C-alpha atoms as a PDB file:
ATOM      1  CA  MET A   1     120.481  19.173  98.505  1.00  0.00           C
ATOM      2  CA  LYS A   2     120.039  22.604  96.614  1.00  0.00           C
ATOM      3  CA  HIS A   3     119.738  21.797  93.417  1.00  0.00           C
ATOM      4  CA  LYS A   4     120.647  24.023  90.290  1.00  0.00           C
ATOM      5  CA  PHE A   5     117.032  23.020  88.687  1.00  0.00           C
ATOM      6  CA  HIS A   6     113.661  22.752  90.244  1.00  0.00           C
ATOM      7  CA  ILE A   7     112.365  19.534  88.140  1.00  0.00           C
ATOM      8  CA  ILE A   8     114.621  16.678  87.179  1.00  0.00           C
ATOM      9  CA  SER A   9     113.232  14.139  85.021  1.00  0.00           C
ATOM     10  CA  LEU A  10     113.462  10.645  85.872  1.00  0.00           C
ATOM     11  CA  THR A  11     116.010  10.201  83.289  1.00  0.00           C
ATOM     12  CA  ALA A  12     118.542  13.027  84.256  1.00  0.00           C
ATOM     13  CA  VAL A  13     118.224  11.299  88.152  1.00  0.00           C
ATOM     14  CA  ALA A  14     119.032   7.493  86.374  1.00  0.00           C
ATOM     15  CA  ALA A  15     122.028   8.689  84.316  1.00  0.00           C
ATOM     16  CA  LEU A  16     123.130  10.419  87.826  1.00  0.00           C
ATOM     17  CA  MET A  17     123.226   7.065  89.484  1.00  0.00           C
ATOM     18  CA  ILE A  18     124.979   5.429  87.203  1.00  0.00           C
ATOM     19  CA  ALA A  19     127.311   7.989  86.326  1.00  0.00           C
ATOM     20  CA  GLY A  20     128.237   8.649  90.610  1.00  0.00           C
ATOM     21  CA  CYS A  21     129.333   4.280  90.643  1.00  0.00           C
ATOM     22  CA  GLU A  22     132.532   5.968  89.191  1.00  0.00           C
ATOM     23  CA  SER A  23     135.161   6.714  92.300  1.00  0.00           C
ATOM     24  CA  PRO A  24     136.755  10.647  92.835  1.00  0.00           C
ATOM     25  CA  THR A  25     140.610  10.524  92.315  1.00  0.00           C
ATOM     26  CA  ASN A  26     142.751  12.061  94.135  1.00  0.00           C
ATOM     27  CA  PRO A  27     145.855  13.941  92.279  1.00  0.00           C
ATOM     28  CA  PRO A  28     149.310  14.589  93.238  1.00  0.00           C
ATOM     29  CA  SER A  29     149.088  17.626  95.146  1.00  0.00           C
ATOM     30  CA  ASN A  30     150.960  20.178  93.206  1.00  0.00           C
ATOM     31  CA  ILE A  31     151.946  22.150  96.939  1.00  0.00           C
ATOM     32  CA  ILE A  32     153.176  21.337  99.920  1.00  0.00           C
ATOM     33  CA  THR A  33     151.164  22.002 102.874  1.00  0.00           C
ATOM     34  CA  VAL A  34     153.155  22.518 106.230  1.00  0.00           C
ATOM     35  CA  ALA A  35     150.713  22.174 109.263  1.00  0.00           C
ATOM     36  CA  PRO A  36     148.907  24.663 110.655  1.00  0.00           C
ATOM     37  CA  SER A  37     148.700  26.392 107.259  1.00  0.00           C
ATOM     38  CA  PRO A  38     144.684  28.217 107.434  1.00  0.00           C
ATOM     39  CA  THR A  39     143.026  26.753 104.926  1.00  0.00           C
ATOM     40  CA  LEU A  40     139.946  27.025 103.279  1.00  0.00           C
ATOM     41  CA  PHE A  41     138.213  23.932 101.766  1.00  0.00           C
ATOM     42  CA  VAL A  42     135.484  24.711  98.863  1.00  0.00           C
ATOM     43  CA  VAL A  43     133.314  21.837  97.160  1.00  0.00           C
ATOM     44  CA  ASN A  44     132.206  22.606  93.726  1.00  0.00           C
ATOM     45  CA  GLU A  45     129.136  20.970  92.714  1.00  0.00           C
ATOM     46  CA  GLY A  46     130.013  20.688  89.264  1.00  0.00           C
ATOM     47  CA  PHE A  47     127.219  20.767  86.656  1.00  0.00           C
ATOM     48  CA  PHE A  48     124.102  18.244  88.048  1.00  0.00           C
ATOM     49  CA  GLY A  49     125.060  14.606  86.596  1.00  0.00           C
ATOM     50  CA  HIS A  50     127.837  14.861  84.498  1.00  0.00           C
ATOM     51  CA  ASN A  51     131.256  13.565  87.421  1.00  0.00           C
ATOM     52  CA  ASN A  52     132.459  17.186  87.348  1.00  0.00           C
ATOM     53  CA  SER A  53     132.256  17.961  91.093  1.00  0.00           C
ATOM     54  CA  SER A  54     135.207  18.997  93.111  1.00  0.00           C
ATOM     55  CA  LEU A  55     137.248  19.917  95.907  1.00  0.00           C
ATOM     56  CA  ASP A  56     139.734  22.739  95.768  1.00  0.00           C
ATOM     57  CA  ALA A  57     141.927  24.007  99.052  1.00  0.00           C
ATOM     58  CA  MET A  58     143.038  27.658  99.561  1.00  0.00           C
ATOM     59  CA  LEU A  59     146.011  27.832 101.536  1.00  0.00           C
ATOM     60  CA  PHE A  60     147.171  31.085 102.882  1.00  0.00           C
ATOM     61  CA  LYS A  61     150.834  31.504 103.651  1.00  0.00           C
ATOM     62  CA  THR A  62     152.440  34.269 106.160  1.00  0.00           C
ATOM     63  CA  ASP A  63     156.233  35.133 105.688  1.00  0.00           C
ATOM     64  CA  SER A  64     157.168  38.610 107.360  1.00  0.00           C
ATOM     65  CA  GLY A  65     153.814  39.453 108.016  1.00  0.00           C
ATOM     66  CA  LYS A  66     152.492  39.370 104.371  1.00  0.00           C
ATOM     67  CA  THR A  67     149.657  36.423 103.374  1.00  0.00           C
ATOM     68  CA  ASP A  68     149.669  34.403 100.426  1.00  0.00           C
ATOM     69  CA  THR A  69     146.979  32.744  99.142  1.00  0.00           C
ATOM     70  CA  ILE A  70     147.966  29.401  97.499  1.00  0.00           C
ATOM     71  CA  SER A  71     145.369  27.450  95.070  1.00  0.00           C
ATOM     72  CA  ASP A  72     144.943  23.968  95.085  1.00  0.00           C
ATOM     73  CA  HIS A  73     142.457  22.445  92.681  1.00  0.00           C
ATOM     74  CA  ASN A  74     141.092  19.047  92.404  1.00  0.00           C
ATOM     75  CA  VAL A  75     142.313  17.849  95.753  1.00  0.00           C
ATOM     76  CA  LEU A  76     139.524  15.428  94.708  1.00  0.00           C
ATOM     77  CA  SER A  77     138.078  15.617  91.147  1.00  0.00           C
ATOM     78  CA  GLY A  78     135.392  13.641  89.914  1.00  0.00           C
ATOM     79  CA  MET A  79     133.058  13.391  92.092  1.00  0.00           C
ATOM     80  CA  GLY A  80     129.326  13.224  91.558  1.00  0.00           C
ATOM     81  CA  GLU A  81     128.128  16.087  93.098  1.00  0.00           C
ATOM     82  CA  GLY A  82     129.654  16.800  95.947  1.00  0.00           C
ATOM     83  CA  ASN A  83     127.062  18.791  98.627  1.00  0.00           C
ATOM     84  CA  ASP A  84     128.469  18.763 101.917  1.00  0.00           C
ATOM     85  CA  ILE A  85     131.499  19.357 103.716  1.00  0.00           C
ATOM     86  CA  LEU A  86     132.596  19.741 107.726  1.00  0.00           C
ATOM     87  CA  LEU A  87     136.216  19.570 109.822  1.00  0.00           C
ATOM     88  CA  ASN A  88     136.590  17.268 112.567  1.00  0.00           C
ATOM     89  CA  GLY A  89     139.692  18.063 114.361  1.00  0.00           C
ATOM     90  CA  ASN A  90     142.557  17.401 110.892  1.00  0.00           C
ATOM     91  CA  ARG A  91     140.238  15.882 108.772  1.00  0.00           C
ATOM     92  CA  ALA A  92     137.567  16.824 106.260  1.00  0.00           C
ATOM     93  CA  ILE A  93     134.631  15.073 105.662  1.00  0.00           C
ATOM     94  CA  ILE A  94     133.097  15.418 102.632  1.00  0.00           C
ATOM     95  CA  LEU A  95     129.552  14.174 101.370  1.00  0.00           C
ATOM     96  CA  ASP A  96     129.148  13.240  97.390  1.00  0.00           C
ATOM     97  CA  ASN A  97     125.419  12.797  96.769  1.00  0.00           C
ATOM     98  CA  GLY A  98     126.146  11.619  93.292  1.00  0.00           C
ATOM     99  CA  ALA A  99     128.248   8.930  94.187  1.00  0.00           C
ATOM    100  CA  ASN A 100     126.390   8.232  97.097  1.00  0.00           C
ATOM    101  CA  SER A 101     129.615   8.431  99.362  1.00  0.00           C
ATOM    102  CA  ILE A 102     131.291  10.173 102.060  1.00  0.00           C
ATOM    103  CA  TYR A 103     134.952  10.994 101.424  1.00  0.00           C
ATOM    104  CA  ILE A 104     137.491  11.529 104.729  1.00  0.00           C
ATOM    105  CA  LEU A 105     140.624  13.876 103.645  1.00  0.00           C
ATOM    106  CA  ASP A 106     143.483  14.674 106.001  1.00  0.00           C
ATOM    107  CA  VAL A 107     143.724  18.113 105.518  1.00  0.00           C
ATOM    108  CA  ASP A 108     147.776  18.563 106.633  1.00  0.00           C
ATOM    109  CA  SER A 109     148.518  16.234 103.024  1.00  0.00           C
ATOM    110  CA  LEU A 110     145.663  16.710 101.197  1.00  0.00           C
ATOM    111  CA  LYS A 111     145.196  13.130 100.576  1.00  0.00           C
ATOM    112  CA  LYS A 112     142.089  11.259 101.006  1.00  0.00           C
ATOM    113  CA  LEU A 113     141.780   8.371 103.412  1.00  0.00           C
ATOM    114  CA  ALA A 114     138.935   6.521 103.471  1.00  0.00           C
ATOM    115  CA  THR A 115     135.745   6.319 101.361  1.00  0.00           C
ATOM    116  CA  ILE A 116     132.518   5.315 103.269  1.00  0.00           C
ATOM    117  CA  PRO A 117     129.856   3.748 100.428  1.00  0.00           C
ATOM    118  CA  MET A 118     126.239   4.808 101.318  1.00  0.00           C
ATOM    119  CA  GLY A 119     124.879   2.676  98.597  1.00  0.00           C
ATOM    120  CA  ILE A 120     121.917   4.134  96.789  1.00  0.00           C
ATOM    121  CA  ASP A 121     120.857   6.064 100.014  1.00  0.00           C
ATOM    122  CA  GLY A 122     121.298   9.776  98.417  1.00  0.00           C
ATOM    123  CA  PRO A 123     123.310  11.322 101.019  1.00  0.00           C
ATOM    124  CA  ASN A 124     122.486  15.326 101.792  1.00  0.00           C
ATOM    125  CA  LYS A 125     123.755  17.062 104.766  1.00  0.00           C
ATOM    126  CA  MET A 126     125.381  15.848 107.581  1.00  0.00           C
ATOM    127  CA  ALA A 127     126.501  16.937 111.333  1.00  0.00           C
ATOM    128  CA  LEU A 128     128.898  15.864 113.863  1.00  0.00           C
ATOM    129  CA  ILE A 129     127.210  14.410 116.930  1.00  0.00           C
ATOM    130  CA  GLY A 130     130.264  13.008 118.865  1.00  0.00           C
ATOM    131  CA  THR A 131     133.706  13.341 118.111  1.00  0.00           C
ATOM    132  CA  SER A 132     133.754  10.242 116.107  1.00  0.00           C
ATOM    133  CA  LEU A 133     130.238   9.869 115.014  1.00  0.00           C
ATOM    134  CA  LEU A 134     128.543  11.459 112.025  1.00  0.00           C
ATOM    135  CA  LEU A 135     124.647  12.030 111.637  1.00  0.00           C
ATOM    136  CA  VAL A 136     123.745  11.618 108.067  1.00  0.00           C
ATOM    137  CA  THR A 137     119.838  12.774 106.343  1.00  0.00           C
ATOM    138  CA  ARG A 138     119.119  10.670 103.339  1.00  0.00           C
ATOM    139  CA  ARG A 139     117.005  10.978 100.399  1.00  0.00           C
ATOM    140  CA  ASN A 140     117.065   8.094  99.408  1.00  0.00           C
ATOM    141  CA  GLN A 141     115.421   6.576 103.077  1.00  0.00           C
ATOM    142  CA  THR A 142     112.653   7.611 105.208  1.00  0.00           C
ATOM    143  CA  SER A 143     115.586   7.926 108.326  1.00  0.00           C
ATOM    144  CA  ALA A 144     118.737   9.229 108.874  1.00  0.00           C
ATOM    145  CA  ALA A 145     121.599   7.468 108.837  1.00  0.00           C
ATOM    146  CA  ILE A 146     124.679   7.708 112.019  1.00  0.00           C
ATOM    147  CA  ILE A 147     128.439   6.959 110.976  1.00  0.00           C
ATOM    148  CA  ASP A 148     130.917   5.514 113.445  1.00  0.00           C
ATOM    149  CA  LEU A 149     134.174   7.509 111.941  1.00  0.00           C
ATOM    150  CA  THR A 150     136.517   5.106 114.032  1.00  0.00           C
ATOM    151  CA  ALA A 151     134.841   2.067 111.945  1.00  0.00           C
ATOM    152  CA  ASN A 152     133.689   4.448 108.905  1.00  0.00           C
ATOM    153  CA  ALA A 153     131.019   2.395 108.181  1.00  0.00           C
ATOM    154  CA  VAL A 154     126.782   3.280 110.120  1.00  0.00           C
ATOM    155  CA  VAL A 155     125.881   1.572 112.934  1.00  0.00           C
ATOM    156  CA  ASP A 156     122.465   2.825 113.873  1.00  0.00           C
ATOM    157  CA  THR A 157     119.522   4.492 112.042  1.00  0.00           C
ATOM    158  CA  ILE A 158     116.660   7.370 113.168  1.00  0.00           C
ATOM    159  CA  GLY A 159     114.116   6.779 111.435  1.00  0.00           C
ATOM    160  CA  ILE A 160     111.633  10.041 110.849  1.00  0.00           C
ATOM    161  CA  GLY A 161     109.004   8.609 108.385  1.00  0.00           C
ATOM    162  CA  GLU A 162     110.039  10.444 105.228  1.00  0.00           C
ATOM    163  CA  PRO A 163     113.008  11.299 103.079  1.00  0.00           C
ATOM    164  CA  SER A 164     115.370  13.380 105.401  1.00  0.00           C
ATOM    165  CA  ILE A 165     116.908  16.477 103.624  1.00  0.00           C
ATOM    166  CA  ALA A 166     118.790  18.942 105.588  1.00  0.00           C
ATOM    167  CA  VAL A 167     120.308  18.739 109.763  1.00  0.00           C
ATOM    168  CA  ALA A 168     121.662  21.031 112.442  1.00  0.00           C
ATOM    169  CA  VAL A 169     122.485  20.044 115.785  1.00  0.00           C
ATOM    170  CA  LEU A 170     122.387  22.523 119.215  1.00  0.00           C
ATOM    171  CA  ASP A 171     122.103  21.475 122.600  1.00  0.00           C
ATOM    172  CA  ASN A 172     122.311  17.518 122.034  1.00  0.00           C
ATOM    173  CA  LYS A 173     119.619  17.415 119.601  1.00  0.00           C
ATOM    174  CA  ALA A 174     119.211  17.542 116.230  1.00  0.00           C
ATOM    175  CA  PHE A 175     117.013  19.347 113.672  1.00  0.00           C
ATOM    176  CA  ILE A 176     116.323  17.179 111.014  1.00  0.00           C
ATOM    177  CA  THR A 177     114.146  18.580 107.977  1.00  0.00           C
ATOM    178  CA  SER A 178     112.030  15.682 106.001  1.00  0.00           C
ATOM    179  CA  GLY A 179     109.512  15.928 102.975  1.00  0.00           C
ATOM    180  CA  ASN A 180     108.843  14.973  99.856  1.00  0.00           C
ATOM    181  CA  TYR A 181     109.301  16.588  96.603  1.00  0.00           C
ATOM    182  CA  ASN A 182     106.098  19.893  96.536  1.00  0.00           C
ATOM    183  CA  ALA A 183     104.730  18.635  99.746  1.00  0.00           C
ATOM    184  CA  PRO A 184     103.979  19.876 103.170  1.00  0.00           C
ATOM    185  CA  GLY A 185     107.525  19.072 104.989  1.00  0.00           C
ATOM    186  CA  HIS A 186     108.474  18.379 108.569  1.00  0.00           C
ATOM    187  CA  LEU A 187     110.354  19.402 110.944  1.00  0.00           C
ATOM    188  CA  HIS A 188     111.966  16.720 113.338  1.00  0.00           C
ATOM    189  CA  VAL A 189     113.772  17.063 117.039  1.00  0.00           C
ATOM    190  CA  ILE A 190     116.032  14.344 118.347  1.00  0.00           C
ATOM    191  CA  ASP A 191     117.524  13.976 121.262  1.00  0.00           C
ATOM    192  CA  LEU A 192     120.964  12.675 120.940  1.00  0.00           C
ATOM    193  CA  ALA A 193     121.057  10.814 124.184  1.00  0.00           C
ATOM    194  CA  SER A 194     117.874   8.795 123.550  1.00  0.00           C
ATOM    195  CA  ARG A 195     117.711   8.832 119.308  1.00  0.00           C
ATOM    196  CA  LYS A 196     114.008   9.200 119.876  1.00  0.00           C
ATOM    197  CA  GLN A 197     112.253  11.937 118.740  1.00  0.00           C
ATOM    198  CA  ILE A 198     110.541  14.774 121.232  1.00  0.00           C
ATOM    199  CA  ALA A 199     108.823  17.080 118.871  1.00  0.00           C
ATOM    200  CA  SER A 200     108.150  17.691 115.392  1.00  0.00           C
ATOM    201  CA  SER A 201     106.294  20.767 113.454  1.00  0.00           C
ATOM    202  CA  VAL A 202     104.250  21.297 109.981  1.00  0.00           C
ATOM    203  CA  ILE A 203     106.781  23.741 108.039  1.00  0.00           C
ATOM    204  CA  LEU A 204     106.971  24.510 104.068  1.00  0.00           C
ATOM    205  CA  SER A 205     107.597  22.112 100.644  1.00  0.00           C
ATOM    206  CA  ASP A 206     111.101  21.496 100.304  1.00  0.00           C
ATOM    207  CA  PRO A 207     112.788  22.310 103.408  1.00  0.00           C
ATOM    208  CA  GLU A 208     116.306  22.563 102.049  1.00  0.00           C
ATOM    209  CA  ARG A 209     118.391  24.332 104.962  1.00  0.00           C
ATOM    210  CA  ALA A 210     118.874  23.537 108.547  1.00  0.00           C
ATOM    211  CA  VAL A 211     121.043  25.840 110.269  1.00  0.00           C
ATOM    212  CA  ALA A 212     122.538  26.600 114.179  1.00  0.00           C
ATOM    213  CA  ASP A 213     123.210  29.685 115.348  1.00  0.00           C
ATOM    214  CA  SER A 214     124.677  29.135 118.948  1.00  0.00           C
ATOM    215  CA  SER A 215     124.595  32.488 119.758  1.00  0.00           C
ATOM    216  CA  SER A 216     121.180  33.083 119.874  1.00  0.00           C
ATOM    217  CA  GLY A 217     119.975  29.600 120.667  1.00  0.00           C
ATOM    218  CA  GLN A 218     118.182  29.337 117.784  1.00  0.00           C
ATOM    219  CA  ILE A 219     117.990  26.910 114.644  1.00  0.00           C
ATOM    220  CA  VAL A 220     116.957  28.916 111.187  1.00  0.00           C
ATOM    221  CA  LEU A 221     115.564  26.890 108.965  1.00  0.00           C
ATOM    222  CA  GLY A 222     115.187  27.229 104.831  1.00  0.00           C
ATOM    223  CA  SER A 223     112.227  26.233 102.739  1.00  0.00           C
ATOM    224  CA  ASP A 224     111.979  26.512  98.936  1.00  0.00           C
ATOM    225  CA  GLY A 225     108.033  26.642  98.398  1.00  0.00           C
ATOM    226  CA  ILE A 226     106.986  25.896  95.204  1.00  0.00           C
ATOM    227  CA  TYR A 227     108.368  27.725  92.744  1.00  0.00           C
ATOM    228  CA  GLN A 228     106.577  30.806  91.589  1.00  0.00           C
ATOM    229  CA  THR A 229     103.322  29.859  93.352  1.00  0.00           C
ATOM    230  CA  VAL A 230     104.518  29.740  97.384  1.00  0.00           C
ATOM    231  CA  ALA A 231     107.348  32.055  98.380  1.00  0.00           C
ATOM    232  CA  PRO A 232     109.760  30.004 100.107  1.00  0.00           C
ATOM    233  CA  ARG A 233     109.901  30.925 103.730  1.00  0.00           C
ATOM    234  CA  ILE A 234     112.505  31.352 106.489  1.00  0.00           C
ATOM    235  CA  TYR A 235     112.153  30.015 110.217  1.00  0.00           C
ATOM    236  CA  TRP A 236     113.170  30.528 113.693  1.00  0.00           C
ATOM    237  CA  VAL A 237     113.172  27.421 116.327  1.00  0.00           C
ATOM    238  CA  ASN A 238     113.878  28.190 119.590  1.00  0.00           C
ATOM    239  CA  ALA A 239     116.768  25.151 120.330  1.00  0.00           C
ATOM    240  CA  SER A 240     115.731  25.120 124.051  1.00  0.00           C
ATOM    241  CA  THR A 241     112.025  24.965 123.741  1.00  0.00           C
ATOM    242  CA  ASN A 242     112.068  23.149 120.390  1.00  0.00           C
ATOM    243  CA  ALA A 243     109.214  25.052 119.364  1.00  0.00           C
ATOM    244  CA  LEU A 244     108.746  27.082 115.883  1.00  0.00           C
ATOM    245  CA  VAL A 245     108.851  31.056 117.213  1.00  0.00           C
ATOM    246  CA  ASP A 246     108.480  32.881 113.714  1.00  0.00           C
ATOM    247  CA  SER A 247     108.783  33.167 109.726  1.00  0.00           C
ATOM    248  CA  VAL A 248     109.178  34.998 107.067  1.00  0.00           C
ATOM    249  CA  ASN A 249     108.689  35.250 103.801  1.00  0.00           C
ATOM    250  CA  ALA A 250     111.310  35.849 101.207  1.00  0.00           C
ATOM    251  CA  MET A 251     110.421  38.576  98.807  1.00  0.00           C
ATOM    252  CA  ASN A 252     108.713  37.015  96.065  1.00  0.00           C
ATOM    253  CA  ASP A 253     107.429  33.557  94.681  1.00  0.00           C
ATOM    254  CA  SER A 254     110.558  32.713  92.564  1.00  0.00           C
ATOM    255  CA  VAL A 255     113.236  34.060  94.507  1.00  0.00           C
ATOM    256  CA  SER A 256     115.886  31.746  95.377  1.00  0.00           C
ATOM    257  CA  ILE A 257     117.305  31.706  98.934  1.00  0.00           C
ATOM    258  CA  THR A 258     120.244  30.161 100.943  1.00  0.00           C
ATOM    259  CA  PHE A 259     122.385  30.262 104.136  1.00  0.00           C
ATOM    260  CA  THR A 260     126.128  31.245 105.084  1.00  0.00           C
ATOM    261  CA  THR A 261     127.295  28.410 106.840  1.00  0.00           C
ATOM    262  CA  GLY A 262     130.292  29.284 109.775  1.00  0.00           C
ATOM    263  CA  GLY A 263     130.155  31.167 112.487  1.00  0.00           C
ATOM    264  CA  ARG A 264     127.024  33.977 111.213  1.00  0.00           C
ATOM    265  CA  VAL A 265     123.759  33.687 109.660  1.00  0.00           C
ATOM    266  CA  SER A 266     123.071  35.463 106.751  1.00  0.00           C
ATOM    267  CA  LEU A 267     120.576  34.871 103.914  1.00  0.00           C
ATOM    268  CA  ILE A 268     121.543  34.936 100.211  1.00  0.00           C
ATOM    269  CA  GLU A 269     118.718  35.716  98.384  1.00  0.00           C
ATOM    270  CA  ASN A 270     118.173  36.136  94.951  1.00  0.00           C
ATOM    271  CA  GLY A 271     122.137  36.105  94.855  1.00  0.00           C
ATOM    272  CA  THR A 272     122.304  39.035  97.276  1.00  0.00           C
ATOM    273  CA  LEU A 273     123.573  38.561 100.613  1.00  0.00           C
ATOM    274  CA  ARG A 274     121.092  39.456 103.378  1.00  0.00           C
ATOM    275  CA  ALA A 275     121.700  39.966 107.113  1.00  0.00           C
ATOM    276  CA  LEU A 276     119.053  38.177 109.515  1.00  0.00           C
ATOM    277  CA  ASP A 277     117.960  39.746 112.516  1.00  0.00           C
ATOM    278  CA  ASP A 278     117.752  36.667 114.975  1.00  0.00           C
ATOM    279  CA  VAL A 279     116.110  38.988 117.857  1.00  0.00           C
ATOM    280  CA  ASN A 280     113.186  40.537 115.714  1.00  0.00           C
ATOM    281  CA  HIS A 281     113.315  37.381 113.182  1.00  0.00           C
ATOM    282  CA  THR A 282     113.393  39.757 109.911  1.00  0.00           C
ATOM    283  CA  ILE A 283     115.267  40.121 106.686  1.00  0.00           C
ATOM    284  CA  GLY A 284     117.389  43.314 106.808  1.00  0.00           C
ATOM    285  CA  ALA A 285     119.102  45.032 104.056  1.00  0.00           C
ATOM    286  CA  PRO A 286     121.528  43.760 102.060  1.00  0.00           C
ATOM    287  CA  ILE A 287     125.584  43.520 103.263  1.00  0.00           C
ATOM    288  CA  LEU A 288     126.934  44.072  99.835  1.00  0.00           C
ATOM    289  CA  SER A 289     126.307  46.327  97.576  1.00  0.00           C
ATOM    290  CA  ASN A 290     126.867  44.978  93.676  1.00  0.00           C
ATOM    291  CA  SER A 291     125.834  43.123  90.296  1.00  0.00           C
ATOM    292  CA  LEU A 292     126.998  39.964  91.245  1.00  0.00           C
ATOM    293  CA  SER A 293     125.026  37.128  92.004  1.00  0.00           C
ATOM    294  CA  TYR A 294     125.970  34.062  95.068  1.00  0.00           C
ATOM    295  CA  TYR A 295     125.424  30.894  95.248  1.00  0.00           C
ATOM    296  CA  GLU A 296     126.202  29.829  98.578  1.00  0.00           C
ATOM    297  CA  GLY A 297     128.407  31.477 100.929  1.00  0.00           C
ATOM    298  CA  TYR A 298     130.412  31.091 104.546  1.00  0.00           C
ATOM    299  CA  TYR A 299     131.525  33.468 107.427  1.00  0.00           C
ATOM    300  CA  ASP A 300     134.430  33.117 108.909  1.00  0.00           C
ATOM    301  CA  ALA A 301     135.097  34.346 112.661  1.00  0.00           C
ATOM    302  CA  ALA A 302     138.748  34.400 112.975  1.00  0.00           C
ATOM    303  CA  SER A 303     139.201  36.373 109.851  1.00  0.00           C
ATOM    304  CA  ASN A 304     135.787  38.213 109.769  1.00  0.00           C
ATOM    305  CA  ALA A 305     135.625  37.775 106.505  1.00  0.00           C
ATOM    306  CA  TYR A 306     132.344  36.146 103.996  1.00  0.00           C
ATOM    307  CA  TYR A 307     133.340  32.991 101.478  1.00  0.00           C
ATOM    308  CA  LEU A 308     130.759  33.550  98.699  1.00  0.00           C
ATOM    309  CA  GLY A 309     130.632  31.377  95.418  1.00  0.00           C
ATOM    310  CA  ASN A 310     130.216  33.084  92.411  1.00  0.00           C
ATOM    311  CA  PRO A 311     128.824  30.253  90.092  1.00  0.00           C
ATOM    312  CA  GLY A 312     129.250  32.612  87.082  1.00  0.00           C
ATOM    313  CA  GLN A 313     126.915  34.934  85.438  1.00  0.00           C
ATOM    314  CA  GLY A 314     124.039  34.930  82.648  1.00  0.00           C
ATOM    315  CA  GLN A 315     124.368  32.470  80.456  1.00  0.00           C
ATOM    316  CA  ALA A 316     127.485  30.860  81.599  1.00  0.00           C
ATOM    317  CA  ALA A 317     126.238  30.492  85.290  1.00  0.00           C
ATOM    318  CA  PHE A 318     127.024  26.950  86.277  1.00  0.00           C
ATOM    319  CA  THR A 319     128.557  25.606  83.022  1.00  0.00           C
ATOM    320  CA  GLY A 320     132.225  26.533  83.955  1.00  0.00           C
ATOM    321  CA  ASN A 321     134.644  27.767  86.234  1.00  0.00           C
ATOM    322  CA  GLY A 322     133.646  29.967  88.932  1.00  0.00           C
ATOM    323  CA  THR A 323     135.568  32.231  91.731  1.00  0.00           C
ATOM    324  CA  ILE A 324     135.533  32.841  95.208  1.00  0.00           C
ATOM    325  CA  ASP A 325     135.082  36.332  96.498  1.00  0.00           C
ATOM    326  CA  ALA A 326     136.299  36.907  99.812  1.00  0.00           C
ATOM    327  CA  TYR A 327     135.018  40.508 101.419  1.00  0.00           C
ATOM    328  CA  ASN A 328     135.784  42.121 104.775  1.00  0.00           C
ATOM    329  CA  ALA A 329     132.345  41.499 106.973  1.00  0.00           C
ATOM    330  CA  SER A 330     132.570  44.987 108.698  1.00  0.00           C
ATOM    331  CA  THR A 331     133.227  47.123 105.842  1.00  0.00           C
ATOM    332  CA  GLY A 332     131.819  44.956 103.003  1.00  0.00           C
ATOM    333  CA  ALA A 333     135.486  45.455 100.936  1.00  0.00           C
ATOM    334  CA  LEU A 334     136.403  43.129  98.157  1.00  0.00           C
ATOM    335  CA  LEU A 335     139.768  41.174  99.902  1.00  0.00           C
ATOM    336  CA  TRP A 336     140.311  39.110  96.871  1.00  0.00           C
ATOM    337  CA  SER A 337     138.804  36.770  94.460  1.00  0.00           C
ATOM    338  CA  ARG A 338     140.151  33.331  92.998  1.00  0.00           C
ATOM    339  CA  SER A 339     138.942  30.891  90.670  1.00  0.00           C
ATOM    340  CA  ALA A 340     137.208  27.615  91.630  1.00  0.00           C
ATOM    341  CA  GLY A 341     135.606  24.813  90.384  1.00  0.00           C
ATOM    342  CA  ILE A 342     132.193  24.432  88.810  1.00  0.00           C
ATOM    343  CA  ALA A 343     129.473  25.844  91.158  1.00  0.00           C
ATOM    344  CA  PRO A 344     131.313  26.528  94.242  1.00  0.00           C
ATOM    345  CA  ALA A 345     129.082  25.400  96.909  1.00  0.00           C
ATOM    346  CA  HIS A 346     130.230  24.509 100.549  1.00  0.00           C
ATOM    347  CA  PHE A 347     133.177  25.770 102.741  1.00  0.00           C
ATOM    348  CA  ALA A 348     135.044  24.878 105.828  1.00  0.00           C
ATOM    349  CA  PHE A 349     138.099  26.628 107.368  1.00  0.00           C
ATOM    350  CA  TYR A 350     140.417  24.799 108.749  1.00  0.00           C
ATOM    351  CA  HIS A 351     142.676  27.062 111.437  1.00  0.00           C
END
């Protein structure tokens, strides 16, 4: 979880656990979805601990050569803190860290089909490891869970000895990061056939991000470091050899970093979208030139566009509704901007 605050008090955590017990609602959709309408799903994290995280759907309708974008807000509402989303066929899987739950949604009807309770595990990130198997990291456990999506239940665990944080899957291996706050982090390489660890490495503290780059055969990791003391660091891992091959520091000690998901791994550094050179392992020039600070983002190859979450600027950031801003990935031109919930952060595009 990429928290909006670096330090969380025990009181806030306790309040979140209590508030997160509430179940999100699936209000009647105000639009009718006709498959296979391309749909951008947006998980809005909400304001931490306030049960106002939500899921939006943005549908792209084409009629006589014209494409309209129709927004359906609050497809799911009242989540504790949505922190991940992925697609599995015509199902959307949404992870709610605040409510310790995973939701299954039908992407055509936009209706919630099932809830998978995770106890008090603190589910954080997830990745498909088969057509019906889901691997979920857990901040409150020293292992990752494997969920059978046909039974909607945890069927196995992978012990790693520390709270598990982020995960990326490539070459039938899971690359799981772990660690405790402000302590050295670790990368664990898990063979998915045997579900056993086959390699490990020490990395910087707070390894919050892991993204697979299949085009280069690498896993890109991001560690937050220690705020205003140790700069965040970006790592490249060779997925064939399981070895860390290079790393680079962010621009300064207090910068905030994350990556775009989807088909292209780019860096969001202090809100600025930058290219990552996966050959020379360097941070490139800004991709977009504007004054906005973006929170998270997604690249979609089918539309050749970046979809970036704008949480609001200045004093208004993370406190009210944000926007989703779409940019042409080749020209950097703004394609459109649509309203979203609070802190739009996690994306999946259904085609």
